C-alpha atoms as a PDB file:
ATOM      1  CA  MET A   1      -3.153  21.658 -12.173  1.00  0.00           C
ATOM      2  CA  ARG A   2      -2.594  18.216 -10.679  1.00  0.00           C
ATOM      3  CA  ARG A   3      -5.612  16.708  -8.937  1.00  0.00           C
ATOM      4  CA  PRO A   4      -5.249  15.212  -5.456  1.00  0.00           C
ATOM      5  CA  CYS A   5      -4.926  11.432  -5.423  1.00  0.00           C
ATOM      6  CA  CYS A   6      -8.172  11.049  -3.484  1.00  0.00           C
ATOM      7  CA  SER A   7     -10.350  12.969  -5.922  1.00  0.00           C
ATOM      8  CA  GLY A   8     -11.101   9.865  -8.009  1.00  0.00           C
ATOM      9  CA  ILE A   9     -11.886   7.846  -4.900  1.00  0.00           C
ATOM     10  CA  PHE A  10     -14.111  10.619  -3.563  1.00  0.00           C
ATOM     11  CA  GLU A  11     -15.952  11.005  -6.881  1.00  0.00           C
ATOM     12  CA  SER A  12     -16.518   7.237  -7.186  1.00  0.00           C
ATOM     13  CA  ALA A  13     -17.720   6.988  -3.590  1.00  0.00           C
ATOM     14  CA  ALA A  14     -20.159   9.891  -4.093  1.00  0.00           C
ATOM     15  CA  ARG A  15     -21.419   8.456  -7.392  1.00  0.00           C
ATOM     16  CA  ASP A  16     -21.869   4.961  -5.920  1.00  0.00           C
ATOM     17  CA  GLN A  17     -23.002   6.278  -2.517  1.00  0.00           C
ATOM     18  CA  LEU A  18     -20.333   4.285  -0.679  1.00  0.00           C
ATOM     19  CA  GLY A  19     -18.003   5.052   2.205  1.00  0.00           C
ATOM     20  CA  PHE A  20     -14.240   4.904   1.939  1.00  0.00           C
ATOM     21  CA  SER A  21     -10.993   5.243   3.858  1.00  0.00           C
ATOM     22  CA  VAL A  22      -7.623   6.041   2.300  1.00  0.00           C
ATOM     23  CA  ASP A  23      -4.157   6.987   3.582  1.00  0.00           C
ATOM     24  CA  TYR A  24      -1.923   9.288   1.577  1.00  0.00           C
ATOM     25  CA  ARG A  25       0.683  12.028   1.813  1.00  0.00           C
ATOM     26  CA  LEU A  26      -0.791  15.522   1.674  1.00  0.00           C
ATOM     27  CA  ARG A  27       1.366  18.404   0.473  1.00  0.00           C
ATOM     28  CA  GLN A  28       1.007  21.516   2.609  1.00  0.00           C
ATOM     29  CA  ASP A  29       1.304  25.114   1.359  1.00  0.00           C
ATOM     30  CA  GLY A  30       4.931  25.345   2.517  1.00  0.00           C
ATOM     31  CA  GLY A  31       5.882  22.287   0.438  1.00  0.00           C
ATOM     32  CA  THR A  32       6.136  19.845   3.336  1.00  0.00           C
ATOM     33  CA  TYR A  33       4.229  16.568   3.318  1.00  0.00           C
ATOM     34  CA  ARG A  34       2.198  14.939   6.066  1.00  0.00           C
ATOM     35  CA  TRP A  35       0.544  11.526   6.251  1.00  0.00           C
ATOM     36  CA  VAL A  36      -3.241  11.773   6.523  1.00  0.00           C
ATOM     37  CA  MET A  37      -6.163   9.378   6.570  1.00  0.00           C
ATOM     38  CA  VAL A  38      -9.373  10.431   4.831  1.00  0.00           C
ATOM     39  CA  MET A  39     -12.548   8.650   5.913  1.00  0.00           C
ATOM     40  CA  ALA A  40     -16.038   9.319   4.602  1.00  0.00           C
ATOM     41  CA  ARG A  41     -19.440   7.716   4.679  1.00  0.00           C
ATOM     42  CA  PRO A  42     -22.733   8.410   2.935  1.00  0.00           C
ATOM     43  CA  HIS A  43     -25.053  10.943   4.555  1.00  0.00           C
ATOM     44  CA  LEU A  44     -28.696  10.004   4.034  1.00  0.00           C
ATOM     45  CA  ARG A  45     -31.968  11.782   4.801  1.00  0.00           C
ATOM     46  CA  SER A  46     -34.436   9.967   7.013  1.00  0.00           C
ATOM     47  CA  ALA A  47     -36.193   8.662   3.879  1.00  0.00           C
ATOM     48  CA  GLY A  48     -32.910   7.180   2.676  1.00  0.00           C
ATOM     49  CA  GLU A  49     -32.175   9.893   0.099  1.00  0.00           C
ATOM     50  CA  PHE A  50     -28.458  10.400  -0.493  1.00  0.00           C
ATOM     51  CA  ARG A  51     -27.300  13.889   0.523  1.00  0.00           C
ATOM     52  CA  GLY A  52     -23.557  13.465  -0.005  1.00  0.00           C
ATOM     53  CA  LEU A  53     -20.545  12.251   1.902  1.00  0.00           C
ATOM     54  CA  VAL A  54     -19.575  13.207   5.433  1.00  0.00           C
ATOM     55  CA  GLY A  55     -15.974  12.697   6.395  1.00  0.00           C
ATOM     56  CA  VAL A  56     -12.861  13.591   8.310  1.00  0.00           C
ATOM     57  CA  VAL A  57      -9.164  14.008   7.600  1.00  0.00           C
ATOM     58  CA  VAL A  58      -6.862  12.707  10.344  1.00  0.00           C
ATOM     59  CA  ASP A  59      -3.185  13.718  10.427  1.00  0.00           C
ATOM     60  CA  PHE A  60      -1.049  10.788  11.587  1.00  0.00           C
ATOM     61  CA  GLU A  61       2.410  12.000  10.556  1.00  0.00           C
ATOM     62  CA  GLU A  62       3.889  11.426  14.022  1.00  0.00           C
ATOM     63  CA  ARG A  63       2.681   7.826  14.084  1.00  0.00           C
ATOM     64  CA  LYS A  64       4.249   7.191  10.666  1.00  0.00           C
ATOM     65  CA  ARG A  65       7.552   8.689  11.848  1.00  0.00           C
ATOM     66  CA  SER A  66       7.480   6.528  14.979  1.00  0.00           C
ATOM     67  CA  GLU A  67       6.761   3.402  12.920  1.00  0.00           C
ATOM     68  CA  LEU A  68       9.673   4.196  10.578  1.00  0.00           C
ATOM     69  CA  LEU A  69      12.031   4.772  13.508  1.00  0.00           C
ATOM     70  CA  LEU A  70      10.920   1.499  15.106  1.00  0.00           C
ATOM     71  CA  ARG A  71      11.483  -0.424  11.845  1.00  0.00           C
ATOM     72  CA  ARG A  72      14.964   1.053  11.452  1.00  0.00           C
ATOM     73  CA  THR A  73      15.818   0.260  15.074  1.00  0.00           C
ATOM     74  CA  GLN A  74      14.631  -3.336  14.644  1.00  0.00           C
ATOM     75  CA  GLN A  75      16.696  -3.706  11.453  1.00  0.00           C
ATOM     76  CA  ALA A  76      19.796  -2.369  13.209  1.00  0.00           C
ATOM     77  CA  ALA A  77      19.252  -4.722  16.164  1.00  0.00           C
ATOM     78  CA  ARG A  78      18.920  -7.722  13.793  1.00  0.00           C
ATOM     79  CA  PHE A  79      22.069  -6.659  11.952  1.00  0.00           C
ATOM     80  CA  LEU A  80      24.035  -6.366  15.195  1.00  0.00           C
ATOM     81  CA  ALA A  81      22.707  -9.688  16.511  1.00  0.00           C
ATOM     82  CA  ASN A  82      23.737 -11.415  13.280  1.00  0.00           C
ATOM     83  CA  ALA A  83      27.151  -9.734  13.339  1.00  0.00           C
ATOM     84  CA  MET A  84      27.724 -10.803  16.942  1.00  0.00           C
ATOM     85  CA  ARG A  85      26.671 -14.380  16.154  1.00  0.00           C
ATOM     86  CA  PHE A  86      28.973 -14.469  13.110  1.00  0.00           C
ATOM     87  CA  GLY A  87      31.830 -13.040  15.181  1.00  0.00           C
ATOM     88  CA  SER A  88      31.457 -15.614  17.946  1.00  0.00           C
ATOM     89  CA  ASP A  89      31.194 -18.486  15.428  1.00  0.00           C
ATOM     90  CA  HIS A  90      34.313 -17.189  13.708  1.00  0.00           C
ATOM     91  CA  CYS A  91      36.208 -16.976  17.022  1.00  0.00           C
ATOM     92  CA  GLU A  92      35.151 -20.527  17.990  1.00  0.00           C
ATOM     93  CA  ALA A  93      36.320 -21.859  14.614  1.00  0.00           C
ATOM     94  CA  ARG A  94      39.716 -20.147  14.979  1.00  0.00           C
ATOM     95  CA  THR A  95      40.090 -21.411  18.546  1.00  0.00           C
ATOM     96  CA  ALA A  96      39.230 -24.976  17.513  1.00  0.00           C
ATOM     97  CA  ALA A  97      41.750 -24.810  14.671  1.00  0.00           C
ATOM     98  CA  LYS A  98      44.516 -23.673  17.050  1.00  0.00           C
ATOM     99  CA  THR A  99      43.840 -26.472  19.570  1.00  0.00           C
ATOM    100  CA  ARG A 100      44.049 -29.303  17.057  1.00  0.00           C
ATOM    101  CA  PRO A 101      47.197 -31.433  17.387  1.00  0.00           C
END
């Protein structure tokens, strides 16, 4: 069985008693994937004794989708702006060539 990508990070953090934060794609039971952020920090007793890690998993799939859509929209806008600039430069060059004596 394949181990989750965070297991090594989690084990190292527990061994070294350190906090961590990592983003990764989590596969759900139905086979779909979602972006999640895992954050954990050491949990200590009042005397400073390490008791383990306390953490949360935050699903941010919608944010990732929005970011991807924004990037694609920006790329398309840059492409169109460049195409329009090239087209107008090309038209000006053709017009200048026709008006020469």
